[in-house]
């Protein structure tokens, strides 16, 4: 079983570039990261049924992370874990 790392955050959805660009979509992102490796392995988009929009949002999220200094690069043979944000109570 892949361990899950839970990260607390309290986002302002309307303030994020991805939300602002897609006001009609209700989605959230889940990241996968490699053990012992900086950056992310893969970004998952949940809540979007349309494959074309899901791929576009994933690509834009990856580009934004890259711009912030967090590469998104799946490395074959490396173990991964999921990173999911949960709003604070």
PDB file of N, CA and C in Angstrom:
ATOM      1  N   UNK A   1       0.835  -1.179   0.000  1.00  0.00           N
ATOM      2  CA  UNK A   1       0.000   0.000   0.000  1.00  0.00           C
ATOM      3  C   UNK A   1       0.882   1.245   0.000  1.00  0.00           C
ATOM      4  N   UNK A   2       0.518   2.234  -0.793  1.00  0.00           N
ATOM      5  CA  UNK A   2       1.270   3.472  -0.865  1.00  0.00           C
ATOM      6  C   UNK A   2       0.911   4.363   0.311  1.00  0.00           C
ATOM      7  N   UNK A   3       1.894   4.771   1.147  1.00  0.00           N
ATOM      8  CA  UNK A   3       1.594   5.661   2.274  1.00  0.00           C
ATOM      9  C   UNK A   3       1.093   7.011   1.778  1.00  0.00           C
ATOM     10  N   UNK A   4       0.261   7.662   2.574  1.00  0.00           N
ATOM     11  CA  UNK A   4      -0.273   8.966   2.218  1.00  0.00           C
ATOM     12  C   UNK A   4       0.238   9.993   3.213  1.00  0.00           C
ATOM     13  N   UNK A   5       0.783  11.072   2.707  1.00  0.00           N
ATOM     14  CA  UNK A   5       1.220  12.191   3.535  1.00  0.00           C
ATOM     15  C   UNK A   5       0.144  13.257   3.448  1.00  0.00           C
ATOM     16  N   UNK A   6      -0.448  13.633   4.550  1.00  0.00           N
ATOM     17  CA  UNK A   6      -1.505  14.637   4.544  1.00  0.00           C
ATOM     18  C   UNK A   6      -0.907  15.994   4.898  1.00  0.00           C
ATOM     19  N   UNK A   7      -1.197  16.964   4.085  1.00  0.00           N
ATOM     20  CA  UNK A   7      -0.681  18.312   4.268  1.00  0.00           C
ATOM     21  C   UNK A   7      -1.860  19.240   4.532  1.00  0.00           C
ATOM     22  N   UNK A   8      -1.855  19.941   5.655  1.00  0.00           N
ATOM     23  CA  UNK A   8      -2.937  20.868   5.976  1.00  0.00           C
ATOM     24  C   UNK A   8      -2.729  22.191   5.265  1.00  0.00           C
ATOM     25  N   UNK A   9      -3.813  22.751   4.783  1.00  0.00           N
ATOM     26  CA  UNK A   9      -3.768  24.074   4.192  1.00  0.00           C
ATOM     27  C   UNK A   9      -5.164  24.658   4.202  1.00  0.00           C
ATOM     28  N   UNK A  10      -5.247  25.936   4.047  1.00  0.00           N
ATOM     29  CA  UNK A  10      -6.539  26.609   3.997  1.00  0.00           C
ATOM     30  C   UNK A  10      -6.520  27.546   2.792  1.00  0.00           C
ATOM     31  N   UNK A  11      -6.769  27.023   1.587  1.00  0.00           N
ATOM     32  CA  UNK A  11      -6.647  27.839   0.380  1.00  0.00           C
ATOM     33  C   UNK A  11      -7.833  28.774   0.194  1.00  0.00           C
ATOM     34  N   UNK A  12      -7.624  29.801  -0.559  1.00  0.00           N
ATOM     35  CA  UNK A  12      -8.707  30.663  -1.025  1.00  0.00           C
ATOM     36  C   UNK A  12      -8.910  30.300  -2.492  1.00  0.00           C
ATOM     37  N   UNK A  13      -9.830  29.376  -2.788  1.00  0.00           N
ATOM     38  CA  UNK A  13      -9.970  28.859  -4.140  1.00  0.00           C
ATOM     39  C   UNK A  13     -10.057  29.917  -5.222  1.00  0.00           C
ATOM     40  N   UNK A  14     -10.774  31.021  -4.956  1.00  0.00           N
ATOM     41  CA  UNK A  14     -10.915  32.045  -5.992  1.00  0.00           C
ATOM     42  C   UNK A  14      -9.614  32.795  -6.230  1.00  0.00           C
ATOM     43  N   UNK A  15      -8.649  32.682  -5.326  1.00  0.00           N
ATOM     44  CA  UNK A  15      -7.396  33.413  -5.450  1.00  0.00           C
ATOM     45  C   UNK A  15      -6.324  32.638  -6.213  1.00  0.00           C
ATOM     46  N   UNK A  16      -6.543  31.357  -6.465  1.00  0.00           N
ATOM     47  CA  UNK A  16      -5.530  30.580  -7.162  1.00  0.00           C
ATOM     48  C   UNK A  16      -5.696  30.737  -8.671  1.00  0.00           C
ATOM     49  N   UNK A  17      -4.598  30.808  -9.410  1.00  0.00           N
ATOM     50  CA  UNK A  17      -4.692  30.983 -10.869  1.00  0.00           C
ATOM     51  C   UNK A  17      -5.497  29.880 -11.566  1.00  0.00           C
ATOM     52  N   UNK A  18      -5.343  28.635 -11.125  1.00  0.00           N
ATOM     53  CA  UNK A  18      -6.089  27.554 -11.763  1.00  0.00           C
ATOM     54  C   UNK A  18      -7.591  27.691 -11.522  1.00  0.00           C
ATOM     55  N   UNK A  19      -7.973  28.072 -10.335  1.00  0.00           N
ATOM     56  CA  UNK A  19      -9.399  28.277 -10.031  1.00  0.00           C
ATOM     57  C   UNK A  19      -9.943  29.472 -10.814  1.00  0.00           C
ATOM     58  N   UNK A  20      -9.179  30.552 -10.860  1.00  0.00           N
ATOM     59  CA  UNK A  20      -9.616  31.748 -11.573  1.00  0.00           C
ATOM     60  C   UNK A  20      -9.809  31.471 -13.062  1.00  0.00           C
ATOM     61  N   UNK A  21      -8.957  30.623 -13.620  1.00  0.00           N
ATOM     62  CA  UNK A  21      -9.044  30.288 -15.043  1.00  0.00           C
ATOM     63  C   UNK A  21     -10.153  29.282 -15.348  1.00  0.00           C
ATOM     64  N   UNK A  22     -10.665  28.615 -14.303  1.00  0.00           N
ATOM     65  CA  UNK A  22     -11.679  27.573 -14.484  1.00  0.00           C
ATOM     66  C   UNK A  22     -12.805  27.730 -13.456  1.00  0.00           C
ATOM     67  N   UNK A  23     -13.492  28.884 -13.446  1.00  0.00           N
ATOM     68  CA  UNK A  23     -14.492  29.134 -12.412  1.00  0.00           C
ATOM     69  C   UNK A  23     -15.692  28.194 -12.469  1.00  0.00           C
ATOM     70  N   UNK A  24     -15.929  27.586 -13.606  1.00  0.00           N
ATOM     71  CA  UNK A  24     -17.080  26.694 -13.771  1.00  0.00           C
ATOM     72  C   UNK A  24     -16.783  25.252 -13.347  1.00  0.00           C
ATOM     73  N   UNK A  25     -15.536  24.952 -12.995  1.00  0.00           N
ATOM     74  CA  UNK A  25     -15.155  23.591 -12.618  1.00  0.00           C
ATOM     75  C   UNK A  25     -14.875  23.498 -11.118  1.00  0.00           C
ATOM     76  N   UNK A  26     -15.347  22.426 -10.504  1.00  0.00           N
ATOM     77  CA  UNK A  26     -15.104  22.177  -9.083  1.00  0.00           C
ATOM     78  C   UNK A  26     -14.136  20.997  -8.983  1.00  0.00           C
ATOM     79  N   UNK A  27     -12.860  21.288  -8.800  1.00  0.00           N
ATOM     80  CA  UNK A  27     -11.837  20.234  -8.814  1.00  0.00           C
ATOM     81  C   UNK A  27     -10.852  20.425  -7.671  1.00  0.00           C
ATOM     82  N   UNK A  28     -10.077  19.383  -7.419  1.00  0.00           N
ATOM     83  CA  UNK A  28      -8.954  19.484  -6.493  1.00  0.00           C
ATOM     84  C   UNK A  28      -7.795  18.671  -7.047  1.00  0.00           C
ATOM     85  N   UNK A  29      -6.610  18.976  -6.561  1.00  0.00           N
ATOM     86  CA  UNK A  29      -5.388  18.335  -7.044  1.00  0.00           C
ATOM     87  C   UNK A  29      -4.808  17.432  -5.965  1.00  0.00           C
ATOM     88  N   UNK A  30      -4.231  16.327  -6.399  1.00  0.00           N
ATOM     89  CA  UNK A  30      -3.490  15.421  -5.535  1.00  0.00           C
ATOM     90  C   UNK A  30      -2.144  15.201  -6.213  1.00  0.00           C
ATOM     91  N   UNK A  31      -1.079  15.339  -5.455  1.00  0.00           N
ATOM     92  CA  UNK A  31       0.258  15.166  -6.015  1.00  0.00           C
ATOM     93  C   UNK A  31       0.848  13.845  -5.560  1.00  0.00           C
ATOM     94  N   UNK A  32       1.668  13.279  -6.396  1.00  0.00           N
ATOM     95  CA  UNK A  32       2.467  12.116  -6.039  1.00  0.00           C
ATOM     96  C   UNK A  32       3.920  12.559  -6.054  1.00  0.00           C
ATOM     97  N   UNK A  33       4.662  12.152  -5.041  1.00  0.00           N
ATOM     98  CA  UNK A  33       6.075  12.524  -4.948  1.00  0.00           C
ATOM     99  C   UNK A  33       6.921  11.272  -4.762  1.00  0.00           C
ATOM    100  N   UNK A  34       8.153  11.319  -5.229  1.00  0.00           N
ATOM    101  CA  UNK A  34       9.085  10.214  -5.057  1.00  0.00           C
ATOM    102  C   UNK A  34       9.697  10.263  -3.663  1.00  0.00           C
ATOM    103  N   UNK A  35       9.930   9.098  -3.081  1.00  0.00           N
ATOM    104  CA  UNK A  35      10.661   9.039  -1.817  1.00  0.00           C
ATOM    105  C   UNK A  35      12.069   9.562  -2.033  1.00  0.00           C
ATOM    106  N   UNK A  36      12.526  10.456  -1.172  1.00  0.00           N
ATOM    107  CA  UNK A  36      13.908  10.933  -1.217  1.00  0.00           C
ATOM    108  C   UNK A  36      14.260  11.768  -2.427  1.00  0.00           C
ATOM    109  N   UNK A  37      13.273  12.323  -3.102  1.00  0.00           N
ATOM    110  CA  UNK A  37      13.518  13.094  -4.321  1.00  0.00           C
ATOM    111  C   UNK A  37      12.784  14.422  -4.218  1.00  0.00           C
ATOM    112  N   UNK A  38      13.421  15.502  -4.589  1.00  0.00           N
ATOM    113  CA  UNK A  38      12.759  16.810  -4.578  1.00  0.00           C
ATOM    114  C   UNK A  38      11.726  16.892  -5.697  1.00  0.00           C
ATOM    115  N   UNK A  39      10.713  17.698  -5.501  1.00  0.00           N
ATOM    116  CA  UNK A  39       9.698  17.902  -6.530  1.00  0.00           C
ATOM    117  C   UNK A  39       8.601  16.860  -6.475  1.00  0.00           C
ATOM    118  N   UNK A  40       7.885  16.727  -7.563  1.00  0.00           N
ATOM    119  CA  UNK A  40       6.738  15.845  -7.655  1.00  0.00           C
ATOM    120  C   UNK A  40       6.894  14.849  -8.797  1.00  0.00           C
ATOM    121  N   UNK A  41       6.228  13.699  -8.656  1.00  0.00           N
ATOM    122  CA  UNK A  41       6.260  12.683  -9.700  1.00  0.00           C
ATOM    123  C   UNK A  41       5.116  12.883 -10.683  1.00  0.00           C
ATOM    124  N   UNK A  42       3.926  13.237 -10.164  1.00  0.00           N
ATOM    125  CA  UNK A  42       2.742  13.316 -11.012  1.00  0.00           C
ATOM    126  C   UNK A  42       1.682  14.136 -10.288  1.00  0.00           C
ATOM    127  N   UNK A  43       0.839  14.811 -11.039  1.00  0.00           N
ATOM    128  CA  UNK A  43      -0.273  15.573 -10.488  1.00  0.00           C
ATOM    129  C   UNK A  43      -1.570  14.928 -10.970  1.00  0.00           C
ATOM    130  N   UNK A  44      -2.483  14.653 -10.031  1.00  0.00           N
ATOM    131  CA  UNK A  44      -3.799  14.115 -10.371  1.00  0.00           C
ATOM    132  C   UNK A  44      -4.831  15.230 -10.235  1.00  0.00           C
ATOM    133  N   UNK A  45      -5.799  15.254 -11.147  1.00  0.00           N
ATOM    134  CA  UNK A  45      -6.891  16.213 -11.086  1.00  0.00           C
ATOM    135  C   UNK A  45      -8.162  15.424 -10.804  1.00  0.00           C
ATOM    136  N   UNK A  46      -8.841  15.744  -9.702  1.00  0.00           N
ATOM    137  CA  UNK A  46     -10.075  15.055  -9.324  1.00  0.00           C
ATOM    138  C   UNK A  46     -11.257  16.013  -9.426  1.00  0.00           C
ATOM    139  N   UNK A  47     -12.396  15.477  -9.866  1.00  0.00           N
ATOM    140  CA  UNK A  47     -13.613  16.268  -9.955  1.00  0.00           C
ATOM    141  C   UNK A  47     -13.906  16.807 -11.334  1.00  0.00           C
ATOM    142  N   UNK A  48     -13.073  16.487 -12.309  1.00  0.00           N
ATOM    143  CA  UNK A  48     -13.292  16.929 -13.689  1.00  0.00           C
ATOM    144  C   UNK A  48     -13.483  15.682 -14.545  1.00  0.00           C
ATOM    145  N   UNK A  49     -14.672  15.527 -15.091  1.00  0.00           N
ATOM    146  CA  UNK A  49     -14.979  14.341 -15.885  1.00  0.00           C
ATOM    147  C   UNK A  49     -14.358  14.382 -17.277  1.00  0.00           C
ATOM    148  N   UNK A  50     -14.311  15.566 -17.871  1.00  0.00           N
ATOM    149  CA  UNK A  50     -13.814  15.718 -19.236  1.00  0.00           C
ATOM    150  C   UNK A  50     -12.302  15.531 -19.291  1.00  0.00           C
ATOM    151  N   UNK A  51     -11.854  14.551 -20.049  1.00  0.00           N
ATOM    152  CA  UNK A  51     -10.427  14.217 -20.120  1.00  0.00           C
ATOM    153  C   UNK A  51      -9.586  15.380 -20.644  1.00  0.00           C
ATOM    154  N   UNK A  52     -10.097  16.105 -21.622  1.00  0.00           N
ATOM    155  CA  UNK A  52      -9.345  17.214 -22.199  1.00  0.00           C
ATOM    156  C   UNK A  52      -9.107  18.312 -21.152  1.00  0.00           C
ATOM    157  N   UNK A  53     -10.137  18.671 -20.393  1.00  0.00           N
ATOM    158  CA  UNK A  53      -9.967  19.677 -19.338  1.00  0.00           C
ATOM    159  C   UNK A  53      -9.061  19.175 -18.227  1.00  0.00           C
ATOM    160  N   UNK A  54      -9.218  17.902 -17.861  1.00  0.00           N
ATOM    161  CA  UNK A  54      -8.377  17.317 -16.813  1.00  0.00           C
ATOM    162  C   UNK A  54      -6.910  17.377 -17.206  1.00  0.00           C
ATOM    163  N   UNK A  55      -6.596  17.020 -18.442  1.00  0.00           N
ATOM    164  CA  UNK A  55      -5.197  17.068 -18.918  1.00  0.00           C
ATOM    165  C   UNK A  55      -4.666  18.494 -18.969  1.00  0.00           C
ATOM    166  N   UNK A  56      -5.508  19.424 -19.411  1.00  0.00           N
ATOM    167  CA  UNK A  56      -5.095  20.823 -19.493  1.00  0.00           C
ATOM    168  C   UNK A  56      -4.789  21.378 -18.095  1.00  0.00           C
ATOM    169  N   UNK A  57      -5.668  21.098 -17.133  1.00  0.00           N
ATOM    170  CA  UNK A  57      -5.451  21.575 -15.770  1.00  0.00           C
ATOM    171  C   UNK A  57      -4.196  20.946 -15.175  1.00  0.00           C
ATOM    172  N   UNK A  58      -3.994  19.646 -15.400  1.00  0.00           N
ATOM    173  CA  UNK A  58      -2.792  18.974 -14.893  1.00  0.00           C
ATOM    174  C   UNK A  58      -1.533  19.616 -15.484  1.00  0.00           C
ATOM    175  N   UNK A  59      -1.570  19.912 -16.777  1.00  0.00           N
ATOM    176  CA  UNK A  59      -0.423  20.539 -17.443  1.00  0.00           C
ATOM    177  C   UNK A  59      -0.153  21.927 -16.857  1.00  0.00           C
ATOM    178  N   UNK A  60      -1.213  22.727 -16.685  1.00  0.00           N
ATOM    179  CA  UNK A  60      -1.055  24.070 -16.123  1.00  0.00           C
ATOM    180  C   UNK A  60      -0.541  24.015 -14.685  1.00  0.00           C
ATOM    181  N   UNK A  61      -1.048  23.074 -13.890  1.00  0.00           N
ATOM    182  CA  UNK A  61      -0.575  22.918 -12.507  1.00  0.00           C
ATOM    183  C   UNK A  61       0.911  22.562 -12.492  1.00  0.00           C
ATOM    184  N   UNK A  62       1.315  21.653 -13.367  1.00  0.00           N
ATOM    185  CA  UNK A  62       2.724  21.272 -13.458  1.00  0.00           C
ATOM    186  C   UNK A  62       3.611  22.435 -13.854  1.00  0.00           C
ATOM    187  N   UNK A  63       3.127  23.248 -14.797  1.00  0.00           N
ATOM    188  CA  UNK A  63       3.900  24.415 -15.229  1.00  0.00           C
ATOM    189  C   UNK A  63       4.039  25.434 -14.096  1.00  0.00           C
ATOM    190  N   UNK A  64       2.955  25.629 -13.338  1.00  0.00           N
ATOM    191  CA  UNK A  64       3.020  26.567 -12.215  1.00  0.00           C
ATOM    192  C   UNK A  64       3.971  26.072 -11.133  1.00  0.00           C
ATOM    193  N   UNK A  65       3.926  24.777 -10.843  1.00  0.00           N
ATOM    194  CA  UNK A  65       4.863  24.212  -9.865  1.00  0.00           C
ATOM    195  C   UNK A  65       6.308  24.361 -10.344  1.00  0.00           C
ATOM    196  N   UNK A  66       6.532  24.100 -11.625  1.00  0.00           N
ATOM    197  CA  UNK A  66       7.867  24.235 -12.214  1.00  0.00           C
ATOM    198  C   UNK A  66       8.366  25.675 -12.053  1.00  0.00           C
ATOM    199  N   UNK A  67       7.484  26.643 -12.331  1.00  0.00           N
ATOM    200  CA  UNK A  67       7.852  28.054 -12.194  1.00  0.00           C
ATOM    201  C   UNK A  67       8.214  28.413 -10.750  1.00  0.00           C
ATOM    202  N   UNK A  68       7.618  27.696  -9.798  1.00  0.00           N
ATOM    203  CA  UNK A  68       7.905  27.933  -8.383  1.00  0.00           C
ATOM    204  C   UNK A  68       9.129  27.156  -7.886  1.00  0.00           C
ATOM    205  N   UNK A  69       9.749  26.379  -8.790  1.00  0.00           N
ATOM    206  CA  UNK A  69      10.952  25.638  -8.430  1.00  0.00           C
ATOM    207  C   UNK A  69      10.704  24.208  -7.989  1.00  0.00           C
ATOM    208  N   UNK A  70       9.498  23.678  -8.260  1.00  0.00           N
ATOM    209  CA  UNK A  70       9.159  22.304  -7.902  1.00  0.00           C
ATOM    210  C   UNK A  70       8.934  21.497  -9.177  1.00  0.00           C
ATOM    211  N   UNK A  71       9.942  20.752  -9.629  1.00  0.00           N
ATOM    212  CA  UNK A  71       9.787  19.991 -10.867  1.00  0.00           C
ATOM    213  C   UNK A  71       8.746  18.881 -10.732  1.00  0.00           C
ATOM    214  N   UNK A  72       8.080  18.571 -11.836  1.00  0.00           N
ATOM    215  CA  UNK A  72       7.139  17.458 -11.912  1.00  0.00           C
ATOM    216  C   UNK A  72       7.711  16.493 -12.944  1.00  0.00           C
ATOM    217  N   UNK A  73       8.263  15.383 -12.445  1.00  0.00           N
ATOM    218  CA  UNK A  73       8.964  14.456 -13.324  1.00  0.00           C
ATOM    219  C   UNK A  73       8.833  13.037 -12.779  1.00  0.00           C
ATOM    220  N   UNK A  74       8.125  12.191 -13.499  1.00  0.00           N
ATOM    221  CA  UNK A  74       7.950  10.800 -13.089  1.00  0.00           C
ATOM    222  C   UNK A  74       9.221  10.021 -13.413  1.00  0.00           C
ATOM    223  N   UNK A  75       9.817   9.403 -12.399  1.00  0.00           N
ATOM    224  CA  UNK A  75      11.065   8.658 -12.562  1.00  0.00           C
ATOM    225  C   UNK A  75      10.752   7.163 -12.464  1.00  0.00           C
ATOM    226  N   UNK A  76      11.002   6.449 -13.530  1.00  0.00           N
ATOM    227  CA  UNK A  76      10.711   5.017 -13.578  1.00  0.00           C
ATOM    228  C   UNK A  76      11.476   4.253 -12.502  1.00  0.00           C
ATOM    229  N   UNK A  77      10.768   3.369 -11.810  1.00  0.00           N
ATOM    230  CA  UNK A  77      11.390   2.511 -10.811  1.00  0.00           C
ATOM    231  C   UNK A  77      11.480   3.109  -9.415  1.00  0.00           C
ATOM    232  N   UNK A  78      11.109   4.378  -9.240  1.00  0.00           N
ATOM    233  CA  UNK A  78      11.153   5.020  -7.916  1.00  0.00           C
ATOM    234  C   UNK A  78       9.791   4.889  -7.250  1.00  0.00           C
ATOM    235  N   UNK A  79       9.780   4.591  -5.945  1.00  0.00           N
ATOM    236  CA  UNK A  79       8.537   4.538  -5.179  1.00  0.00           C
ATOM    237  C   UNK A  79       7.975   5.944  -5.022  1.00  0.00           C
ATOM    238  N   UNK A  80       6.647   6.021  -4.916  1.00  0.00           N
ATOM    239  CA  UNK A  80       5.998   7.313  -4.756  1.00  0.00           C
ATOM    240  C   UNK A  80       5.067   7.302  -3.546  1.00  0.00           C
ATOM    241  N   UNK A  81       4.668   8.485  -3.096  1.00  0.00           N
ATOM    242  CA  UNK A  81       3.610   8.605  -2.104  1.00  0.00           C
ATOM    243  C   UNK A  81       2.709   9.753  -2.524  1.00  0.00           C
ATOM    244  N   UNK A  82       1.468   9.736  -2.039  1.00  0.00           N
ATOM    245  CA  UNK A  82       0.477  10.756  -2.379  1.00  0.00           C
ATOM    246  C   UNK A  82       0.553  11.910  -1.389  1.00  0.00           C
ATOM    247  N   UNK A  83       0.341  13.123  -1.896  1.00  0.00           N
ATOM    248  CA  UNK A  83       0.256  14.308  -1.057  1.00  0.00           C
ATOM    249  C   UNK A  83      -1.098  14.944  -1.343  1.00  0.00           C
ATOM    250  N   UNK A  84      -1.947  14.991  -0.316  1.00  0.00           N
ATOM    251  CA  UNK A  84      -3.278  15.576  -0.474  1.00  0.00           C
ATOM    252  C   UNK A  84      -3.453  16.681   0.543  1.00  0.00           C
ATOM    253  N   UNK A  85      -3.997  17.792   0.109  1.00  0.00           N
ATOM    254  CA  UNK A  85      -4.284  18.893   1.024  1.00  0.00           C
ATOM    255  C   UNK A  85      -5.670  18.750   1.611  1.00  0.00           C
ATOM    256  N   UNK A  86      -5.798  19.020   2.876  1.00  0.00           N
ATOM    257  CA  UNK A  86      -7.080  19.001   3.567  1.00  0.00           C
ATOM    258  C   UNK A  86      -7.268  20.347   4.248  1.00  0.00           C
ATOM    259  N   UNK A  87      -8.426  20.992   4.071  1.00  0.00           N
ATOM    260  CA  UNK A  87      -8.658  22.264   4.756  1.00  0.00           C
ATOM    261  C   UNK A  87      -8.548  22.103   6.265  1.00  0.00           C
ATOM    262  N   UNK A  88      -8.031  23.112   6.926  1.00  0.00           N
ATOM    263  CA  UNK A  88      -7.937  23.077   8.380  1.00  0.00           C
ATOM    264  C   UNK A  88      -9.308  23.294   8.983  1.00  0.00           C
ATOM    265  N   UNK A  89      -9.567  22.658  10.127  1.00  0.00           N
ATOM    266  CA  UNK A  89     -10.861  22.813  10.806  1.00  0.00           C
ATOM    267  C   UNK A  89     -10.973  24.161  11.463  1.00  0.00           C
TER     268      UNK A  89
END
